[in-house]
């Protein structure tokens, strides 16, 4: 699991892990549907860590290559904090275990 903050290098076309099985891709797409722009969320990660923030940009599932060159999909969600304005994080969709909504902006809300 990797969380990229504004102090880390930007992600490119390489992901630690890519997904090719239909059920894994459906799981990633489910996370996209739950991460409406402006939603305040708490994301439980597969490594049992959590990260909280406001969804700044609607995530998308995209094509990446893993370190061995295998092509598959993954995606990222960008979170920001309205109190700590210089903080942001990019979280891999594949690292998400569960999403908990902390406000009323939920699935089905308009997206940017």
PDB file of N, CA and C in Angstrom:
ATOM      1  N   UNK A   1       0.846  -1.170   0.000  1.00  0.00           N
ATOM      2  CA  UNK A   1       0.000   0.000   0.000  1.00  0.00           C
ATOM      3  C   UNK A   1       0.887   1.228   0.000  1.00  0.00           C
ATOM      4  N   UNK A   2       0.560   2.156  -0.869  1.00  0.00           N
ATOM      5  CA  UNK A   2       1.294   3.397  -0.952  1.00  0.00           C
ATOM      6  C   UNK A   2       0.306   4.556  -1.000  1.00  0.00           C
ATOM      7  N   UNK A   3       0.528   5.527  -0.154  1.00  0.00           N
ATOM      8  CA  UNK A   3      -0.213   6.779  -0.232  1.00  0.00           C
ATOM      9  C   UNK A   3       0.784   7.823  -0.696  1.00  0.00           C
ATOM     10  N   UNK A   4       0.470   8.498  -1.792  1.00  0.00           N
ATOM     11  CA  UNK A   4       1.327   9.534  -2.322  1.00  0.00           C
ATOM     12  C   UNK A   4       0.806  10.867  -1.828  1.00  0.00           C
ATOM     13  N   UNK A   5       1.606  11.583  -1.043  1.00  0.00           N
ATOM     14  CA  UNK A   5       1.203  12.914  -0.604  1.00  0.00           C
ATOM     15  C   UNK A   5       1.841  13.936  -1.528  1.00  0.00           C
ATOM     16  N   UNK A   6       1.511  15.196  -1.321  1.00  0.00           N
ATOM     17  CA  UNK A   6       2.078  16.232  -2.177  1.00  0.00           C
ATOM     18  C   UNK A   6       3.591  16.327  -2.037  1.00  0.00           C
ATOM     19  N   UNK A   7       4.173  15.653  -1.068  1.00  0.00           N
ATOM     20  CA  UNK A   7       5.623  15.644  -0.905  1.00  0.00           C
ATOM     21  C   UNK A   7       6.275  14.496  -1.676  1.00  0.00           C
ATOM     22  N   UNK A   8       5.471  13.572  -2.227  1.00  0.00           N
ATOM     23  CA  UNK A   8       6.009  12.449  -2.995  1.00  0.00           C
ATOM     24  C   UNK A   8       6.043  12.777  -4.480  1.00  0.00           C
ATOM     25  N   UNK A   9       6.819  11.993  -5.203  1.00  0.00           N
ATOM     26  CA  UNK A   9       6.846  12.141  -6.666  1.00  0.00           C
ATOM     27  C   UNK A   9       5.496  11.743  -7.245  1.00  0.00           C
ATOM     28  N   UNK A  10       5.123  12.376  -8.319  1.00  0.00           N
ATOM     29  CA  UNK A  10       3.853  12.077  -8.982  1.00  0.00           C
ATOM     30  C   UNK A  10       3.897  10.692  -9.602  1.00  0.00           C
ATOM     31  N   UNK A  11       2.719  10.056  -9.651  1.00  0.00           N
ATOM     32  CA  UNK A  11       2.618   8.746 -10.267  1.00  0.00           C
ATOM     33  C   UNK A  11       2.631   8.887 -11.773  1.00  0.00           C
ATOM     34  N   UNK A  12       3.172   7.878 -12.445  1.00  0.00           N
ATOM     35  CA  UNK A  12       3.189   7.862 -13.895  1.00  0.00           C
ATOM     36  C   UNK A  12       2.344   6.713 -14.407  1.00  0.00           C
ATOM     37  N   UNK A  13       2.894   5.944 -15.295  1.00  0.00           N
ATOM     38  CA  UNK A  13       2.187   4.821 -15.895  1.00  0.00           C
ATOM     39  C   UNK A  13       2.454   3.517 -15.168  1.00  0.00           C
ATOM     40  N   UNK A  14       3.206   3.540 -14.074  1.00  0.00           N
ATOM     41  CA  UNK A  14       3.554   2.333 -13.329  1.00  0.00           C
ATOM     42  C   UNK A  14       2.761   2.282 -12.031  1.00  0.00           C
ATOM     43  N   UNK A  15       2.191   1.117 -11.747  1.00  0.00           N
ATOM     44  CA  UNK A  15       1.484   0.880 -10.480  1.00  0.00           C
ATOM     45  C   UNK A  15       2.143  -0.315  -9.803  1.00  0.00           C
ATOM     46  N   UNK A  16       2.190  -0.295  -8.482  1.00  0.00           N
ATOM     47  CA  UNK A  16       2.732  -1.449  -7.756  1.00  0.00           C
ATOM     48  C   UNK A  16       1.968  -2.714  -8.103  1.00  0.00           C
ATOM     49  N   UNK A  17       0.658  -2.561  -8.312  1.00  0.00           N
ATOM     50  CA  UNK A  17      -0.213  -3.708  -8.582  1.00  0.00           C
ATOM     51  C   UNK A  17      -1.226  -3.312  -9.639  1.00  0.00           C
ATOM     52  N   UNK A  18      -1.443  -4.199 -10.611  1.00  0.00           N
ATOM     53  CA  UNK A  18      -2.486  -3.995 -11.611  1.00  0.00           C
ATOM     54  C   UNK A  18      -3.445  -5.166 -11.555  1.00  0.00           C
ATOM     55  N   UNK A  19      -4.645  -4.950 -12.046  1.00  0.00           N
ATOM     56  CA  UNK A  19      -5.708  -5.952 -11.960  1.00  0.00           C
ATOM     57  C   UNK A  19      -6.219  -6.270 -13.354  1.00  0.00           C
ATOM     58  N   UNK A  20      -6.432  -7.571 -13.594  1.00  0.00           N
ATOM     59  CA  UNK A  20      -6.926  -8.014 -14.901  1.00  0.00           C
ATOM     60  C   UNK A  20      -8.167  -8.891 -14.784  1.00  0.00           C
ATOM     61  N   UNK A  21      -8.421  -9.455 -13.606  1.00  0.00           N
ATOM     62  CA  UNK A  21      -9.598 -10.312 -13.427  1.00  0.00           C
ATOM     63  C   UNK A  21     -10.860  -9.460 -13.385  1.00  0.00           C
ATOM     64  N   UNK A  22     -11.925  -9.899 -14.051  1.00  0.00           N
ATOM     65  CA  UNK A  22     -13.169  -9.112 -14.093  1.00  0.00           C
ATOM     66  C   UNK A  22     -13.702  -8.735 -12.717  1.00  0.00           C
ATOM     67  N   UNK A  23     -13.631  -9.631 -11.744  1.00  0.00           N
ATOM     68  CA  UNK A  23     -14.155  -9.316 -10.410  1.00  0.00           C
ATOM     69  C   UNK A  23     -13.327  -8.233  -9.715  1.00  0.00           C
ATOM     70  N   UNK A  24     -12.020  -8.204  -9.977  1.00  0.00           N
ATOM     71  CA  UNK A  24     -11.182  -7.153  -9.407  1.00  0.00           C
ATOM     72  C   UNK A  24     -11.486  -5.801 -10.056  1.00  0.00           C
ATOM     73  N   UNK A  25     -11.678  -5.809 -11.370  1.00  0.00           N
ATOM     74  CA  UNK A  25     -12.008  -4.576 -12.085  1.00  0.00           C
ATOM     75  C   UNK A  25     -13.358  -4.045 -11.624  1.00  0.00           C
ATOM     76  N   UNK A  26     -14.328  -4.934 -11.390  1.00  0.00           N
ATOM     77  CA  UNK A  26     -15.637  -4.510 -10.881  1.00  0.00           C
ATOM     78  C   UNK A  26     -15.502  -3.867  -9.510  1.00  0.00           C
ATOM     79  N   UNK A  27     -14.617  -4.397  -8.661  1.00  0.00           N
ATOM     80  CA  UNK A  27     -14.388  -3.821  -7.335  1.00  0.00           C
ATOM     81  C   UNK A  27     -13.831  -2.410  -7.463  1.00  0.00           C
ATOM     82  N   UNK A  28     -12.866  -2.207  -8.371  1.00  0.00           N
ATOM     83  CA  UNK A  28     -12.308  -0.873  -8.586  1.00  0.00           C
ATOM     84  C   UNK A  28     -13.381   0.093  -9.074  1.00  0.00           C
ATOM     85  N   UNK A  29     -14.218  -0.376  -9.992  1.00  0.00           N
ATOM     86  CA  UNK A  29     -15.297   0.470 -10.518  1.00  0.00           C
ATOM     87  C   UNK A  29     -16.324   0.803  -9.443  1.00  0.00           C
ATOM     88  N   UNK A  30     -16.538  -0.118  -8.517  1.00  0.00           N
ATOM     89  CA  UNK A  30     -17.435   0.145  -7.381  1.00  0.00           C
ATOM     90  C   UNK A  30     -16.884   1.284  -6.526  1.00  0.00           C
ATOM     91  N   UNK A  31     -15.572   1.284  -6.286  1.00  0.00           N
ATOM     92  CA  UNK A  31     -14.978   2.367  -5.495  1.00  0.00           C
ATOM     93  C   UNK A  31     -15.153   3.704  -6.208  1.00  0.00           C
ATOM     94  N   UNK A  32     -15.002   3.720  -7.538  1.00  0.00           N
ATOM     95  CA  UNK A  32     -15.195   4.960  -8.294  1.00  0.00           C
ATOM     96  C   UNK A  32     -16.604   5.497  -8.057  1.00  0.00           C
ATOM     97  N   UNK A  33     -17.595   4.622  -8.109  1.00  0.00           N
ATOM     98  CA  UNK A  33     -18.988   5.043  -7.901  1.00  0.00           C
ATOM     99  C   UNK A  33     -19.215   5.609  -6.507  1.00  0.00           C
ATOM    100  N   UNK A  34     -18.489   5.119  -5.521  1.00  0.00           N
ATOM    101  CA  UNK A  34     -18.678   5.576  -4.141  1.00  0.00           C
ATOM    102  C   UNK A  34     -17.896   6.843  -3.808  1.00  0.00           C
ATOM    103  N   UNK A  35     -16.965   7.229  -4.668  1.00  0.00           N
ATOM    104  CA  UNK A  35     -16.097   8.362  -4.370  1.00  0.00           C
ATOM    105  C   UNK A  35     -16.522   9.606  -5.156  1.00  0.00           C
ATOM    106  N   UNK A  36     -17.694  10.117  -4.817  1.00  0.00           N
ATOM    107  CA  UNK A  36     -18.221  11.323  -5.463  1.00  0.00           C
ATOM    108  C   UNK A  36     -17.362  12.518  -5.085  1.00  0.00           C
ATOM    109  N   UNK A  37     -17.171  13.413  -6.036  1.00  0.00           N
ATOM    110  CA  UNK A  37     -16.398  14.616  -5.776  1.00  0.00           C
ATOM    111  C   UNK A  37     -17.042  15.378  -4.612  1.00  0.00           C
ATOM    112  N   UNK A  38     -16.222  15.944  -3.756  1.00  0.00           N
ATOM    113  CA  UNK A  38     -16.598  16.707  -2.558  1.00  0.00           C
ATOM    114  C   UNK A  38     -17.080  15.850  -1.398  1.00  0.00           C
ATOM    115  N   UNK A  39     -17.070  14.547  -1.534  1.00  0.00           N
ATOM    116  CA  UNK A  39     -17.460  13.680  -0.412  1.00  0.00           C
ATOM    117  C   UNK A  39     -16.335  13.635   0.615  1.00  0.00           C
ATOM    118  N   UNK A  40     -16.695  13.743   1.879  1.00  0.00           N
ATOM    119  CA  UNK A  40     -15.719  13.539   2.961  1.00  0.00           C
ATOM    120  C   UNK A  40     -15.775  12.061   3.319  1.00  0.00           C
ATOM    121  N   UNK A  41     -14.626  11.392   3.191  1.00  0.00           N
ATOM    122  CA  UNK A  41     -14.584   9.943   3.368  1.00  0.00           C
ATOM    123  C   UNK A  41     -13.450   9.523   4.287  1.00  0.00           C
ATOM    124  N   UNK A  42     -13.654   8.363   4.877  1.00  0.00           N
ATOM    125  CA  UNK A  42     -12.604   7.656   5.595  1.00  0.00           C
ATOM    126  C   UNK A  42     -12.386   6.362   4.827  1.00  0.00           C
ATOM    127  N   UNK A  43     -11.174   6.162   4.357  1.00  0.00           N
ATOM    128  CA  UNK A  43     -10.863   4.986   3.539  1.00  0.00           C
ATOM    129  C   UNK A  43     -10.023   4.030   4.364  1.00  0.00           C
ATOM    130  N   UNK A  44     -10.554   2.824   4.543  1.00  0.00           N
ATOM    131  CA  UNK A  44      -9.792   1.769   5.207  1.00  0.00           C
ATOM    132  C   UNK A  44      -9.001   1.051   4.135  1.00  0.00           C
ATOM    133  N   UNK A  45      -7.711   0.937   4.364  1.00  0.00           N
ATOM    134  CA  UNK A  45      -6.817   0.326   3.389  1.00  0.00           C
ATOM    135  C   UNK A  45      -6.577  -1.145   3.703  1.00  0.00           C
ATOM    136  N   UNK A  46      -6.155  -1.884   2.709  1.00  0.00           N
ATOM    137  CA  UNK A  46      -5.918  -3.323   2.866  1.00  0.00           C
ATOM    138  C   UNK A  46      -4.859  -3.627   3.921  1.00  0.00           C
ATOM    139  N   UNK A  47      -3.967  -2.707   4.170  1.00  0.00           N
ATOM    140  CA  UNK A  47      -2.935  -2.919   5.194  1.00  0.00           C
ATOM    141  C   UNK A  47      -3.428  -2.512   6.577  1.00  0.00           C
ATOM    142  N   UNK A  48      -4.730  -2.256   6.694  1.00  0.00           N
ATOM    143  CA  UNK A  48      -5.402  -1.875   7.937  1.00  0.00           C
ATOM    144  C   UNK A  48      -5.171  -0.430   8.346  1.00  0.00           C
ATOM    145  N   UNK A  49      -4.498   0.363   7.522  1.00  0.00           N
ATOM    146  CA  UNK A  49      -4.369   1.788   7.779  1.00  0.00           C
ATOM    147  C   UNK A  49      -5.621   2.504   7.296  1.00  0.00           C
ATOM    148  N   UNK A  50      -5.759   3.764   7.660  1.00  0.00           N
ATOM    149  CA  UNK A  50      -6.875   4.573   7.176  1.00  0.00           C
ATOM    150  C   UNK A  50      -6.354   5.942   6.757  1.00  0.00           C
ATOM    151  N   UNK A  51      -7.102   6.551   5.867  1.00  0.00           N
ATOM    152  CA  UNK A  51      -6.824   7.916   5.454  1.00  0.00           C
ATOM    153  C   UNK A  51      -8.168   8.609   5.281  1.00  0.00           C
ATOM    154  N   UNK A  52      -8.236   9.867   5.736  1.00  0.00           N
ATOM    155  CA  UNK A  52      -9.475  10.644   5.633  1.00  0.00           C
ATOM    156  C   UNK A  52      -9.221  11.898   4.827  1.00  0.00           C
ATOM    157  N   UNK A  53     -10.243  12.316   4.099  1.00  0.00           N
ATOM    158  CA  UNK A  53     -10.144  13.556   3.347  1.00  0.00           C
ATOM    159  C   UNK A  53     -11.377  13.772   2.509  1.00  0.00           C
ATOM    160  N   UNK A  54     -11.316  14.806   1.704  1.00  0.00           N
ATOM    161  CA  UNK A  54     -12.402  15.156   0.789  1.00  0.00           C
ATOM    162  C   UNK A  54     -11.962  14.777  -0.617  1.00  0.00           C
ATOM    163  N   UNK A  55     -12.840  14.101  -1.345  1.00  0.00           N
ATOM    164  CA  UNK A  55     -12.527  13.695  -2.710  1.00  0.00           C
ATOM    165  C   UNK A  55     -12.447  14.950  -3.575  1.00  0.00           C
ATOM    166  N   UNK A  56     -11.258  15.215  -4.115  1.00  0.00           N
ATOM    167  CA  UNK A  56     -11.028  16.428  -4.897  1.00  0.00           C
ATOM    168  C   UNK A  56     -11.400  16.241  -6.361  1.00  0.00           C
ATOM    169  N   UNK A  57     -11.175  15.064  -6.883  1.00  0.00           N
ATOM    170  CA  UNK A  57     -11.409  14.768  -8.291  1.00  0.00           C
ATOM    171  C   UNK A  57     -12.008  13.379  -8.375  1.00  0.00           C
ATOM    172  N   UNK A  58     -13.048  13.221  -9.180  1.00  0.00           N
ATOM    173  CA  UNK A  58     -13.649  11.902  -9.359  1.00  0.00           C
ATOM    174  C   UNK A  58     -12.594  10.950  -9.928  1.00  0.00           C
ATOM    175  N   UNK A  59     -12.342   9.836  -9.250  1.00  0.00           N
ATOM    176  CA  UNK A  59     -11.319   8.908  -9.752  1.00  0.00           C
ATOM    177  C   UNK A  59     -11.799   8.163 -10.997  1.00  0.00           C
ATOM    178  N   UNK A  60     -10.853   7.620 -11.725  1.00  0.00           N
ATOM    179  CA  UNK A  60     -11.150   6.782 -12.879  1.00  0.00           C
ATOM    180  C   UNK A  60     -10.260   5.555 -12.846  1.00  0.00           C
ATOM    181  N   UNK A  61     -10.750   4.484 -13.443  1.00  0.00           N
ATOM    182  CA  UNK A  61      -9.950   3.273 -13.623  1.00  0.00           C
ATOM    183  C   UNK A  61      -9.182   3.462 -14.921  1.00  0.00           C
ATOM    184  N   UNK A  62      -7.858   3.261 -14.856  1.00  0.00           N
ATOM    185  CA  UNK A  62      -6.997   3.495 -16.011  1.00  0.00           C
ATOM    186  C   UNK A  62      -6.042   2.326 -16.218  1.00  0.00           C
ATOM    187  N   UNK A  63      -5.412   2.318 -17.361  1.00  0.00           N
ATOM    188  CA  UNK A  63      -4.440   1.268 -17.678  1.00  0.00           C
ATOM    189  C   UNK A  63      -3.076   1.672 -17.137  1.00  0.00           C
ATOM    190  N   UNK A  64      -2.443   0.737 -16.437  1.00  0.00           N
ATOM    191  CA  UNK A  64      -1.095   0.900 -15.900  1.00  0.00           C
ATOM    192  C   UNK A  64      -0.305  -0.360 -16.221  1.00  0.00           C
ATOM    193  N   UNK A  65       0.980  -0.300 -15.969  1.00  0.00           N
ATOM    194  CA  UNK A  65       1.845  -1.478 -16.013  1.00  0.00           C
ATOM    195  C   UNK A  65       2.425  -1.655 -14.617  1.00  0.00           C
ATOM    196  N   UNK A  66       2.585  -2.931 -14.215  1.00  0.00           N
ATOM    197  CA  UNK A  66       3.229  -3.180 -12.932  1.00  0.00           C
ATOM    198  C   UNK A  66       4.749  -3.162 -13.139  1.00  0.00           C
ATOM    199  N   UNK A  67       5.538  -3.273 -12.077  1.00  0.00           N
ATOM    200  CA  UNK A  67       7.002  -3.209 -12.225  1.00  0.00           C
ATOM    201  C   UNK A  67       7.578  -4.274 -13.166  1.00  0.00           C
ATOM    202  N   UNK A  68       6.862  -5.377 -13.363  1.00  0.00           N
ATOM    203  CA  UNK A  68       7.330  -6.423 -14.277  1.00  0.00           C
ATOM    204  C   UNK A  68       6.863  -6.183 -15.715  1.00  0.00           C
ATOM    205  N   UNK A  69       6.095  -5.119 -15.952  1.00  0.00           N
ATOM    206  CA  UNK A  69       5.646  -4.785 -17.288  1.00  0.00           C
ATOM    207  C   UNK A  69       4.283  -5.334 -17.673  1.00  0.00           C
ATOM    208  N   UNK A  70       3.612  -6.062 -16.758  1.00  0.00           N
ATOM    209  CA  UNK A  70       2.281  -6.591 -17.066  1.00  0.00           C
ATOM    210  C   UNK A  70       1.280  -5.442 -17.097  1.00  0.00           C
ATOM    211  N   UNK A  71       0.458  -5.428 -18.141  1.00  0.00           N
ATOM    212  CA  UNK A  71      -0.551  -4.390 -18.286  1.00  0.00           C
ATOM    213  C   UNK A  71      -1.837  -4.807 -17.594  1.00  0.00           C
ATOM    214  N   UNK A  72      -2.464  -3.875 -16.922  1.00  0.00           N
ATOM    215  CA  UNK A  72      -3.732  -4.101 -16.245  1.00  0.00           C
ATOM    216  C   UNK A  72      -4.312  -2.764 -15.838  1.00  0.00           C
ATOM    217  N   UNK A  73      -5.270  -2.780 -14.936  1.00  0.00           N
ATOM    218  CA  UNK A  73      -5.901  -1.536 -14.525  1.00  0.00           C
ATOM    219  C   UNK A  73      -5.739  -1.289 -13.033  1.00  0.00           C
ATOM    220  N   UNK A  74      -5.830  -0.048 -12.674  1.00  0.00           N
ATOM    221  CA  UNK A  74      -5.876   0.424 -11.304  1.00  0.00           C
ATOM    222  C   UNK A  74      -6.350   1.872 -11.421  1.00  0.00           C
ATOM    223  N   UNK A  75      -6.293   2.609 -10.382  1.00  0.00           N
ATOM    224  CA  UNK A  75      -6.696   4.003 -10.414  1.00  0.00           C
ATOM    225  C   UNK A  75      -6.331   4.655  -9.109  1.00  0.00           C
ATOM    226  N   UNK A  76      -6.497   5.956  -9.045  1.00  0.00           N
ATOM    227  CA  UNK A  76      -6.195   6.688  -7.827  1.00  0.00           C
ATOM    228  C   UNK A  76      -7.336   7.642  -7.507  1.00  0.00           C
ATOM    229  N   UNK A  77      -7.468   7.936  -6.236  1.00  0.00           N
ATOM    230  CA  UNK A  77      -8.384   8.978  -5.798  1.00  0.00           C
ATOM    231  C   UNK A  77      -7.534  10.039  -5.101  1.00  0.00           C
ATOM    232  N   UNK A  78      -7.796  11.299  -5.438  1.00  0.00           N
ATOM    233  CA  UNK A  78      -7.099  12.413  -4.797  1.00  0.00           C
ATOM    234  C   UNK A  78      -7.960  12.938  -3.673  1.00  0.00           C
ATOM    235  N   UNK A  79      -7.367  12.975  -2.483  1.00  0.00           N
ATOM    236  CA  UNK A  79      -8.035  13.514  -1.295  1.00  0.00           C
ATOM    237  C   UNK A  79      -7.343  14.799  -0.882  1.00  0.00           C
ATOM    238  N   UNK A  80      -8.137  15.742  -0.380  1.00  0.00           N
ATOM    239  CA  UNK A  80      -7.600  16.987   0.160  1.00  0.00           C
ATOM    240  C   UNK A  80      -8.177  17.206   1.548  1.00  0.00           C
ATOM    241  N   UNK A  81      -7.630  18.176   2.254  1.00  0.00           N
ATOM    242  CA  UNK A  81      -8.111  18.547   3.581  1.00  0.00           C
ATOM    243  C   UNK A  81      -8.370  20.046   3.567  1.00  0.00           C
ATOM    244  N   UNK A  82      -9.585  20.451   3.912  1.00  0.00           N
ATOM    245  CA  UNK A  82      -9.919  21.879   3.871  1.00  0.00           C
ATOM    246  C   UNK A  82      -9.256  22.667   5.001  1.00  0.00           C
ATOM    247  N   UNK A  83      -8.875  22.005   6.068  1.00  0.00           N
ATOM    248  CA  UNK A  83      -8.233  22.691   7.184  1.00  0.00           C
ATOM    249  C   UNK A  83      -6.738  22.839   6.937  1.00  0.00           C
ATOM    250  N   UNK A  84      -6.099  21.762   6.528  1.00  0.00           N
ATOM    251  CA  UNK A  84      -4.664  21.774   6.230  1.00  0.00           C
ATOM    252  C   UNK A  84      -4.509  21.899   4.715  1.00  0.00           C
ATOM    253  N   UNK A  85      -4.550  23.126   4.208  1.00  0.00           N
ATOM    254  CA  UNK A  85      -4.668  23.365   2.767  1.00  0.00           C
ATOM    255  C   UNK A  85      -3.493  22.869   1.938  1.00  0.00           C
ATOM    256  N   UNK A  86      -2.330  22.661   2.541  1.00  0.00           N
ATOM    257  CA  UNK A  86      -1.198  22.173   1.757  1.00  0.00           C
ATOM    258  C   UNK A  86      -1.097  20.649   1.757  1.00  0.00           C
ATOM    259  N   UNK A  87      -2.088  19.951   2.346  1.00  0.00           N
ATOM    260  CA  UNK A  87      -2.086  18.496   2.383  1.00  0.00           C
ATOM    261  C   UNK A  87      -2.972  17.924   1.280  1.00  0.00           C
ATOM    262  N   UNK A  88      -2.464  16.916   0.609  1.00  0.00           N
ATOM    263  CA  UNK A  88      -3.266  16.135  -0.328  1.00  0.00           C
ATOM    264  C   UNK A  88      -2.662  14.745  -0.391  1.00  0.00           C
ATOM    265  N   UNK A  89      -3.449  13.794  -0.834  1.00  0.00           N
ATOM    266  CA  UNK A  89      -2.964  12.413  -0.956  1.00  0.00           C
ATOM    267  C   UNK A  89      -3.610  11.765  -2.163  1.00  0.00           C
ATOM    268  N   UNK A  90      -2.863  10.901  -2.816  1.00  0.00           N
ATOM    269  CA  UNK A  90      -3.393  10.057  -3.881  1.00  0.00           C
ATOM    270  C   UNK A  90      -3.342   8.628  -3.365  1.00  0.00           C
ATOM    271  N   UNK A  91      -4.495   7.971  -3.381  1.00  0.00           N
ATOM    272  CA  UNK A  91      -4.602   6.609  -2.856  1.00  0.00           C
ATOM    273  C   UNK A  91      -4.957   5.675  -4.006  1.00  0.00           C
ATOM    274  N   UNK A  92      -4.245   4.581  -4.137  1.00  0.00           N
ATOM    275  CA  UNK A  92      -4.560   3.578  -5.160  1.00  0.00           C
ATOM    276  C   UNK A  92      -5.913   2.948  -4.859  1.00  0.00           C
ATOM    277  N   UNK A  93      -6.787   2.864  -5.866  1.00  0.00           N
ATOM    278  CA  UNK A  93      -8.088   2.212  -5.682  1.00  0.00           C
ATOM    279  C   UNK A  93      -7.918   0.751  -5.281  1.00  0.00           C
ATOM    280  N   UNK A  94      -6.903   0.099  -5.803  1.00  0.00           N
ATOM    281  CA  UNK A  94      -6.667  -1.312  -5.481  1.00  0.00           C
ATOM    282  C   UNK A  94      -6.278  -1.558  -4.040  1.00  0.00           C
ATOM    283  N   UNK A  95      -5.868  -0.509  -3.324  1.00  0.00           N
ATOM    284  CA  UNK A  95      -5.491  -0.646  -1.916  1.00  0.00           C
ATOM    285  C   UNK A  95      -6.665  -0.446  -0.964  1.00  0.00           C
ATOM    286  N   UNK A  96      -7.835  -0.096  -1.514  1.00  0.00           N
ATOM    287  CA  UNK A  96      -8.995   0.199  -0.670  1.00  0.00           C
ATOM    288  C   UNK A  96      -9.693  -1.085  -0.243  1.00  0.00           C
ATOM    289  N   UNK A  97      -9.938  -1.182   1.042  1.00  0.00           N
ATOM    290  CA  UNK A  97     -10.704  -2.297   1.622  1.00  0.00           C
ATOM    291  C   UNK A  97     -12.157  -1.886   1.844  1.00  0.00           C
ATOM    292  N   UNK A  98     -12.358  -0.649   2.322  1.00  0.00           N
ATOM    293  CA  UNK A  98     -13.706  -0.178   2.639  1.00  0.00           C
ATOM    294  C   UNK A  98     -13.727   1.347   2.625  1.00  0.00           C
ATOM    295  N   UNK A  99     -14.881   1.901   2.263  1.00  0.00           N
ATOM    296  CA  UNK A  99     -15.076   3.353   2.283  1.00  0.00           C
ATOM    297  C   UNK A  99     -16.217   3.673   3.231  1.00  0.00           C
ATOM    298  N   UNK A 100     -15.971   4.635   4.117  1.00  0.00           N
ATOM    299  CA  UNK A 100     -17.018   5.101   5.017  1.00  0.00           C
ATOM    300  C   UNK A 100     -17.253   6.576   4.730  1.00  0.00           C
ATOM    301  N   UNK A 101     -18.506   6.925   4.474  1.00  0.00           N
ATOM    302  CA  UNK A 101     -18.855   8.317   4.183  1.00  0.00           C
ATOM    303  C   UNK A 101     -19.056   9.075   5.485  1.00  0.00           C
ATOM    304  N   UNK A 102     -18.440  10.252   5.582  1.00  0.00           N
ATOM    305  CA  UNK A 102     -18.498  11.065   6.786  1.00  0.00           C
ATOM    306  C   UNK A 102     -19.437  12.254   6.638  1.00  0.00           C
ATOM    307  N   UNK A 103     -20.103  12.358   5.491  1.00  0.00           N
ATOM    308  CA  UNK A 103     -21.079  13.414   5.263  1.00  0.00           C
ATOM    309  C   UNK A 103     -22.183  12.882   4.351  1.00  0.00           C
ATOM    310  N   UNK A 104     -23.008  13.768   3.842  1.00  0.00           N
ATOM    311  CA  UNK A 104     -24.157  13.342   3.044  1.00  0.00           C
ATOM    312  C   UNK A 104     -23.844  13.167   1.565  1.00  0.00           C
ATOM    313  N   UNK A 105     -22.638  13.477   1.122  1.00  0.00           N
ATOM    314  CA  UNK A 105     -22.276  13.312  -0.281  1.00  0.00           C
ATOM    315  C   UNK A 105     -21.900  11.845  -0.480  1.00  0.00           C
ATOM    316  N   UNK A 106     -22.798  11.109  -1.126  1.00  0.00           N
ATOM    317  CA  UNK A 106     -22.581   9.669  -1.264  1.00  0.00           C
ATOM    318  C   UNK A 106     -22.796   9.232  -2.701  1.00  0.00           C
ATOM    319  N   UNK A 107     -22.786   7.935  -2.874  1.00  0.00           N
ATOM    320  CA  UNK A 107     -22.998   7.326  -4.179  1.00  0.00           C
ATOM    321  C   UNK A 107     -24.251   7.911  -4.834  1.00  0.00           C
ATOM    322  N   UNK A 108     -24.126   8.180  -6.126  1.00  0.00           N
ATOM    323  CA  UNK A 108     -25.260   8.715  -6.866  1.00  0.00           C
ATOM    324  C   UNK A 108     -25.267  10.228  -6.918  1.00  0.00           C
ATOM    325  N   UNK A 109     -24.378  10.889  -6.172  1.00  0.00           N
ATOM    326  CA  UNK A 109     -24.290  12.343  -6.229  1.00  0.00           C
ATOM    327  C   UNK A 109     -23.685  12.767  -7.562  1.00  0.00           C
ATOM    328  N   UNK A 110     -23.893  14.005  -7.916  1.00  0.00           N
ATOM    329  CA  UNK A 110     -23.324  14.464  -9.189  1.00  0.00           C
ATOM    330  C   UNK A 110     -21.814  14.427  -9.112  1.00  0.00           C
ATOM    331  N   UNK A 111     -21.205  14.182 -10.241  1.00  0.00           N
ATOM    332  CA  UNK A 111     -19.764  14.080 -10.320  1.00  0.00           C
ATOM    333  C   UNK A 111     -19.221  15.228 -11.150  1.00  0.00           C
ATOM    334  N   UNK A 112     -17.989  15.604 -10.876  1.00  0.00           N
ATOM    335  CA  UNK A 112     -17.333  16.680 -11.650  1.00  0.00           C
ATOM    336  C   UNK A 112     -16.566  16.077 -12.805  1.00  0.00           C
TER     337      UNK A 112
END
